[in-house]
Amino acid sequence: MALQTNQLMDPAAGLVATYNATTSGPHTVDCANGRTFLAVANASGSSINVTITTPGTDINGNTIADPVFAVANSATRLIPLNPAVYGATATVAFSATTSVTFACITLP
């Protein structure tokens, strides 16, 4: 579970993101600043799911369900990583890895 490299978007020039392969994971992403999101590109032949681990519990001590984000084939989905929900480091898993790439992007 190596920590992924976040790419900082330049407010004046934007960003041409570099996408990483979704090799077997899970992957971890630093999202402590509250301005980080995942860009998941699915070039496979079918929809895939992105699951982000929710490490906490609710006020009653019940486990909080991990959210699952569907990414249709031939689509790119942007997923915000809120540290209040996922902690300072989010753990991300993909239901499939073939022809699926992702980038960790931080806004200025």
N, C-alpha and C. Protein backbone atom coordinates (compact mmCIF):
# COMPACT_ATOMS: atom_id res chain seq x y z
N MET A 1 0.82 -1.18 0.00
CA MET A 1 0.00 0.00 0.00
C MET A 1 0.87 1.25 0.00
N ALA A 2 1.53 1.48 -1.09
CA ALA A 2 2.38 2.67 -1.19
C ALA A 2 1.52 3.92 -1.34
N LEU A 3 1.97 4.98 -0.71
CA LEU A 3 1.27 6.26 -0.80
C LEU A 3 1.44 6.81 -2.22
N GLN A 4 0.32 7.15 -2.85
CA GLN A 4 0.35 7.69 -4.21
C GLN A 4 0.83 9.13 -4.20
N THR A 5 1.39 9.59 -5.30
CA THR A 5 1.86 10.96 -5.42
C THR A 5 0.72 11.85 -5.87
N ASN A 6 0.46 12.91 -5.10
CA ASN A 6 -0.57 13.88 -5.48
C ASN A 6 0.03 14.87 -6.47
N GLN A 7 -0.76 15.26 -7.46
CA GLN A 7 -0.35 16.25 -8.44
C GLN A 7 -1.07 17.56 -8.14
N LEU A 8 -0.31 18.62 -7.98
CA LEU A 8 -0.88 19.92 -7.63
C LEU A 8 -1.30 20.66 -8.89
N MET A 9 -2.58 21.08 -8.91
CA MET A 9 -3.06 21.86 -10.03
C MET A 9 -2.56 23.29 -9.91
N ASP A 10 -1.95 23.80 -10.95
CA ASP A 10 -1.44 25.17 -10.98
C ASP A 10 -2.62 26.10 -11.27
N PRO A 11 -2.88 27.10 -10.40
CA PRO A 11 -4.04 27.97 -10.63
C PRO A 11 -3.95 28.80 -11.90
N ALA A 12 -2.75 29.01 -12.41
CA ALA A 12 -2.59 29.82 -13.63
C ALA A 12 -2.52 28.97 -14.89
N ALA A 13 -1.99 27.75 -14.77
CA ALA A 13 -1.75 26.94 -15.97
C ALA A 13 -2.61 25.69 -16.03
N GLY A 14 -3.31 25.35 -14.94
CA GLY A 14 -4.07 24.11 -14.94
C GLY A 14 -3.16 22.92 -14.71
N LEU A 15 -3.55 21.76 -15.19
CA LEU A 15 -2.78 20.53 -14.99
C LEU A 15 -3.07 19.54 -16.10
N VAL A 16 -2.03 18.99 -16.68
CA VAL A 16 -2.16 17.82 -17.54
C VAL A 16 -1.80 16.65 -16.64
N ALA A 17 -2.81 15.95 -16.16
CA ALA A 17 -2.61 14.91 -15.15
C ALA A 17 -1.92 13.69 -15.74
N THR A 18 -1.07 13.08 -14.92
CA THR A 18 -0.45 11.80 -15.25
C THR A 18 -1.24 10.72 -14.53
N TYR A 19 -1.76 9.77 -15.28
CA TYR A 19 -2.57 8.69 -14.71
C TYR A 19 -1.70 7.48 -14.41
N ASN A 20 -2.00 6.82 -13.28
CA ASN A 20 -1.28 5.63 -12.83
C ASN A 20 -2.11 4.39 -13.09
N ALA A 21 -1.43 3.28 -13.29
CA ALA A 21 -2.12 2.00 -13.45
C ALA A 21 -2.71 1.58 -12.11
N THR A 22 -3.86 0.92 -12.14
CA THR A 22 -4.50 0.44 -10.92
C THR A 22 -4.07 -0.99 -10.65
N THR A 23 -2.77 -1.16 -10.44
CA THR A 23 -2.27 -2.49 -10.11
C THR A 23 -2.94 -2.96 -8.84
N SER A 24 -2.73 -4.22 -8.50
CA SER A 24 -3.39 -4.73 -7.30
C SER A 24 -3.11 -3.81 -6.13
N GLY A 25 -4.09 -3.51 -5.38
CA GLY A 25 -3.99 -2.52 -4.32
C GLY A 25 -4.25 -3.16 -2.98
N PRO A 26 -4.80 -2.44 -2.09
CA PRO A 26 -5.35 -1.11 -2.27
C PRO A 26 -4.28 -0.03 -2.35
N HIS A 27 -4.70 1.14 -2.76
CA HIS A 27 -3.82 2.30 -2.88
C HIS A 27 -4.15 3.26 -1.76
N THR A 28 -3.16 4.05 -1.33
CA THR A 28 -3.41 5.07 -0.31
C THR A 28 -3.13 6.44 -0.90
N VAL A 29 -3.93 7.42 -0.46
CA VAL A 29 -3.83 8.78 -0.97
C VAL A 29 -3.87 9.75 0.20
N ASP A 30 -2.91 10.68 0.24
CA ASP A 30 -2.92 11.73 1.26
C ASP A 30 -4.01 12.73 0.90
N CYS A 31 -5.00 12.83 1.77
CA CYS A 31 -6.10 13.77 1.51
C CYS A 31 -6.33 14.70 2.70
N ALA A 32 -5.30 14.86 3.53
CA ALA A 32 -5.42 15.63 4.77
C ALA A 32 -5.79 17.09 4.53
N ASN A 33 -5.40 17.64 3.37
CA ASN A 33 -5.64 19.07 3.12
C ASN A 33 -7.09 19.38 2.75
N GLY A 34 -7.89 18.38 2.44
CA GLY A 34 -9.29 18.62 2.10
C GLY A 34 -9.51 19.13 0.68
N ARG A 35 -8.47 19.15 -0.13
CA ARG A 35 -8.58 19.65 -1.51
C ARG A 35 -8.12 18.62 -2.53
N THR A 36 -8.18 17.35 -2.16
CA THR A 36 -7.68 16.29 -3.05
C THR A 36 -8.85 15.45 -3.56
N PHE A 37 -8.74 15.03 -4.81
CA PHE A 37 -9.73 14.13 -5.38
C PHE A 37 -9.06 13.12 -6.28
N LEU A 38 -9.76 12.04 -6.57
CA LEU A 38 -9.31 11.03 -7.53
C LEU A 38 -9.98 11.29 -8.86
N ALA A 39 -9.23 11.13 -9.92
CA ALA A 39 -9.78 11.09 -11.27
C ALA A 39 -9.57 9.66 -11.74
N VAL A 40 -10.65 8.93 -11.95
CA VAL A 40 -10.58 7.51 -12.34
C VAL A 40 -11.07 7.40 -13.78
N ALA A 41 -10.20 6.90 -14.66
CA ALA A 41 -10.53 6.72 -16.07
C ALA A 41 -10.70 5.22 -16.35
N ASN A 42 -11.86 4.85 -16.86
CA ASN A 42 -12.18 3.45 -17.13
C ASN A 42 -12.25 3.23 -18.64
N ALA A 43 -11.23 2.59 -19.18
CA ALA A 43 -11.21 2.26 -20.60
C ALA A 43 -11.52 0.78 -20.84
N SER A 44 -12.01 0.10 -19.81
CA SER A 44 -12.35 -1.31 -19.96
C SER A 44 -13.70 -1.45 -20.65
N GLY A 45 -14.11 -2.65 -20.86
CA GLY A 45 -15.36 -2.91 -21.58
C GLY A 45 -16.60 -2.88 -20.73
N SER A 46 -16.45 -2.68 -19.41
CA SER A 46 -17.63 -2.66 -18.55
C SER A 46 -17.41 -1.71 -17.37
N SER A 47 -18.47 -1.45 -16.64
CA SER A 47 -18.40 -0.57 -15.48
C SER A 47 -17.53 -1.21 -14.39
N ILE A 48 -16.83 -0.37 -13.62
CA ILE A 48 -16.04 -0.84 -12.49
C ILE A 48 -16.48 -0.06 -11.25
N ASN A 49 -16.09 -0.55 -10.09
CA ASN A 49 -16.40 0.13 -8.83
C ASN A 49 -15.12 0.57 -8.14
N VAL A 50 -15.18 1.75 -7.53
CA VAL A 50 -14.10 2.26 -6.71
C VAL A 50 -14.64 2.32 -5.28
N THR A 51 -13.96 1.65 -4.36
CA THR A 51 -14.40 1.62 -2.97
C THR A 51 -13.37 2.35 -2.13
N ILE A 52 -13.85 3.26 -1.27
CA ILE A 52 -12.97 4.00 -0.38
C ILE A 52 -13.31 3.61 1.05
N THR A 53 -12.31 3.17 1.79
CA THR A 53 -12.52 2.70 3.15
C THR A 53 -12.87 3.86 4.07
N THR A 54 -13.92 3.68 4.85
CA THR A 54 -14.30 4.66 5.87
C THR A 54 -13.85 4.09 7.21
N PRO A 55 -12.80 4.69 7.79
CA PRO A 55 -12.20 4.09 8.98
C PRO A 55 -12.97 4.30 10.29
N GLY A 56 -13.91 5.24 10.33
CA GLY A 56 -14.55 5.60 11.58
C GLY A 56 -15.84 4.87 11.86
N THR A 57 -16.46 5.31 12.93
CA THR A 57 -17.78 4.82 13.30
C THR A 57 -18.68 6.03 13.51
N ASP A 58 -19.99 5.78 13.52
CA ASP A 58 -20.91 6.89 13.77
C ASP A 58 -20.98 7.18 15.26
N ILE A 59 -21.82 8.12 15.65
CA ILE A 59 -21.90 8.56 17.04
C ILE A 59 -22.33 7.43 17.99
N ASN A 60 -22.99 6.40 17.43
CA ASN A 60 -23.43 5.26 18.23
C ASN A 60 -22.43 4.11 18.23
N GLY A 61 -21.29 4.31 17.57
CA GLY A 61 -20.27 3.27 17.52
C GLY A 61 -20.48 2.25 16.41
N ASN A 62 -21.43 2.51 15.51
CA ASN A 62 -21.68 1.59 14.40
C ASN A 62 -20.70 1.85 13.27
N THR A 63 -20.28 0.79 12.61
CA THR A 63 -19.40 0.91 11.47
C THR A 63 -20.09 1.70 10.36
N ILE A 64 -19.36 2.60 9.74
CA ILE A 64 -19.89 3.37 8.61
C ILE A 64 -19.58 2.60 7.34
N ALA A 65 -20.58 2.40 6.51
CA ALA A 65 -20.39 1.64 5.26
C ALA A 65 -19.41 2.37 4.34
N ASP A 66 -18.56 1.60 3.68
CA ASP A 66 -17.62 2.16 2.71
C ASP A 66 -18.38 2.56 1.45
N PRO A 67 -18.21 3.81 0.98
CA PRO A 67 -18.90 4.21 -0.23
C PRO A 67 -18.29 3.54 -1.47
N VAL A 68 -19.15 3.22 -2.41
CA VAL A 68 -18.74 2.61 -3.67
C VAL A 68 -19.17 3.54 -4.79
N PHE A 69 -18.22 3.89 -5.65
CA PHE A 69 -18.47 4.78 -6.77
C PHE A 69 -18.36 3.98 -8.07
N ALA A 70 -19.42 3.94 -8.84
CA ALA A 70 -19.40 3.25 -10.13
C ALA A 70 -18.78 4.17 -11.18
N VAL A 71 -17.93 3.59 -12.02
CA VAL A 71 -17.33 4.32 -13.13
C VAL A 71 -17.67 3.54 -14.40
N ALA A 72 -18.54 4.12 -15.22
CA ALA A 72 -18.97 3.45 -16.45
C ALA A 72 -17.80 3.26 -17.41
N ASN A 73 -17.93 2.27 -18.30
CA ASN A 73 -16.86 2.08 -19.29
C ASN A 73 -16.77 3.32 -20.18
N SER A 74 -15.56 3.64 -20.58
CA SER A 74 -15.26 4.81 -21.41
C SER A 74 -15.56 6.13 -20.71
N ALA A 75 -15.58 6.13 -19.38
CA ALA A 75 -15.88 7.35 -18.63
C ALA A 75 -14.74 7.67 -17.66
N THR A 76 -14.69 8.93 -17.23
CA THR A 76 -13.80 9.35 -16.16
C THR A 76 -14.67 9.94 -15.07
N ARG A 77 -14.41 9.52 -13.83
CA ARG A 77 -15.19 10.02 -12.69
C ARG A 77 -14.26 10.72 -11.72
N LEU A 78 -14.69 11.87 -11.23
CA LEU A 78 -13.95 12.62 -10.22
C LEU A 78 -14.58 12.32 -8.86
N ILE A 79 -13.73 11.92 -7.90
CA ILE A 79 -14.22 11.53 -6.58
C ILE A 79 -13.50 12.36 -5.52
N PRO A 80 -14.22 13.22 -4.79
CA PRO A 80 -13.58 14.02 -3.75
C PRO A 80 -13.20 13.14 -2.55
N LEU A 81 -12.06 13.45 -1.95
CA LEU A 81 -11.59 12.69 -0.79
C LEU A 81 -11.62 13.60 0.43
N ASN A 82 -12.70 13.53 1.17
CA ASN A 82 -12.91 14.38 2.34
C ASN A 82 -12.24 13.76 3.56
N PRO A 83 -11.25 14.45 4.16
CA PRO A 83 -10.56 13.87 5.32
C PRO A 83 -11.47 13.69 6.53
N ALA A 84 -12.57 14.43 6.61
CA ALA A 84 -13.50 14.24 7.72
C ALA A 84 -14.20 12.88 7.63
N VAL A 85 -14.27 12.34 6.42
CA VAL A 85 -14.90 11.04 6.21
C VAL A 85 -13.88 9.92 6.15
N TYR A 86 -12.78 10.14 5.41
CA TYR A 86 -11.82 9.07 5.12
C TYR A 86 -10.56 9.11 5.97
N GLY A 87 -10.37 10.14 6.78
CA GLY A 87 -9.14 10.31 7.54
C GLY A 87 -8.11 11.02 6.68
N ALA A 88 -6.94 11.25 7.25
CA ALA A 88 -5.88 11.98 6.54
C ALA A 88 -5.33 11.22 5.35
N THR A 89 -5.44 9.89 5.39
CA THR A 89 -4.98 9.05 4.29
C THR A 89 -6.11 8.12 3.88
N ALA A 90 -6.60 8.29 2.67
CA ALA A 90 -7.69 7.46 2.17
C ALA A 90 -7.14 6.16 1.58
N THR A 91 -7.86 5.07 1.80
CA THR A 91 -7.52 3.78 1.23
C THR A 91 -8.53 3.48 0.13
N VAL A 92 -8.01 3.25 -1.09
CA VAL A 92 -8.84 3.13 -2.28
C VAL A 92 -8.60 1.76 -2.93
N ALA A 93 -9.69 1.09 -3.30
CA ALA A 93 -9.60 -0.20 -3.99
C ALA A 93 -10.46 -0.15 -5.26
N PHE A 94 -10.03 -0.88 -6.27
CA PHE A 94 -10.72 -0.93 -7.56
C PHE A 94 -11.21 -2.35 -7.80
N SER A 95 -12.43 -2.50 -8.33
CA SER A 95 -12.99 -3.83 -8.59
C SER A 95 -12.34 -4.51 -9.77
N ALA A 96 -11.71 -3.74 -10.64
CA ALA A 96 -10.98 -4.28 -11.79
C ALA A 96 -9.80 -3.36 -12.05
N THR A 97 -8.75 -3.92 -12.65
CA THR A 97 -7.56 -3.11 -12.90
C THR A 97 -7.18 -3.01 -14.37
N THR A 98 -7.68 -3.91 -15.19
CA THR A 98 -7.34 -3.89 -16.61
C THR A 98 -7.97 -2.68 -17.28
N SER A 99 -7.16 -1.86 -17.92
CA SER A 99 -7.60 -0.67 -18.65
C SER A 99 -8.24 0.39 -17.76
N VAL A 100 -7.87 0.39 -16.48
CA VAL A 100 -8.36 1.40 -15.54
C VAL A 100 -7.15 2.14 -14.98
N THR A 101 -7.19 3.48 -15.03
CA THR A 101 -6.10 4.29 -14.52
C THR A 101 -6.68 5.37 -13.60
N PHE A 102 -5.80 5.97 -12.80
CA PHE A 102 -6.27 7.01 -11.89
C PHE A 102 -5.18 8.03 -11.62
N ALA A 103 -5.61 9.22 -11.22
CA ALA A 103 -4.69 10.29 -10.84
C ALA A 103 -5.20 10.88 -9.52
N CYS A 104 -4.26 11.27 -8.67
CA CYS A 104 -4.57 11.96 -7.41
C CYS A 104 -4.25 13.42 -7.62
N ILE A 105 -5.26 14.27 -7.56
CA ILE A 105 -5.10 15.67 -7.90
C ILE A 105 -5.47 16.54 -6.70
N THR A 106 -4.60 17.51 -6.41
CA THR A 106 -4.84 18.45 -5.31
C THR A 106 -5.06 19.83 -5.90
N LEU A 107 -6.13 20.46 -5.46
CA LEU A 107 -6.42 21.83 -5.89
C LEU A 107 -5.59 22.81 -5.08
N PRO A 108 -5.29 23.98 -5.65
CA PRO A 108 -4.47 24.95 -4.92
C PRO A 108 -5.21 25.53 -3.73
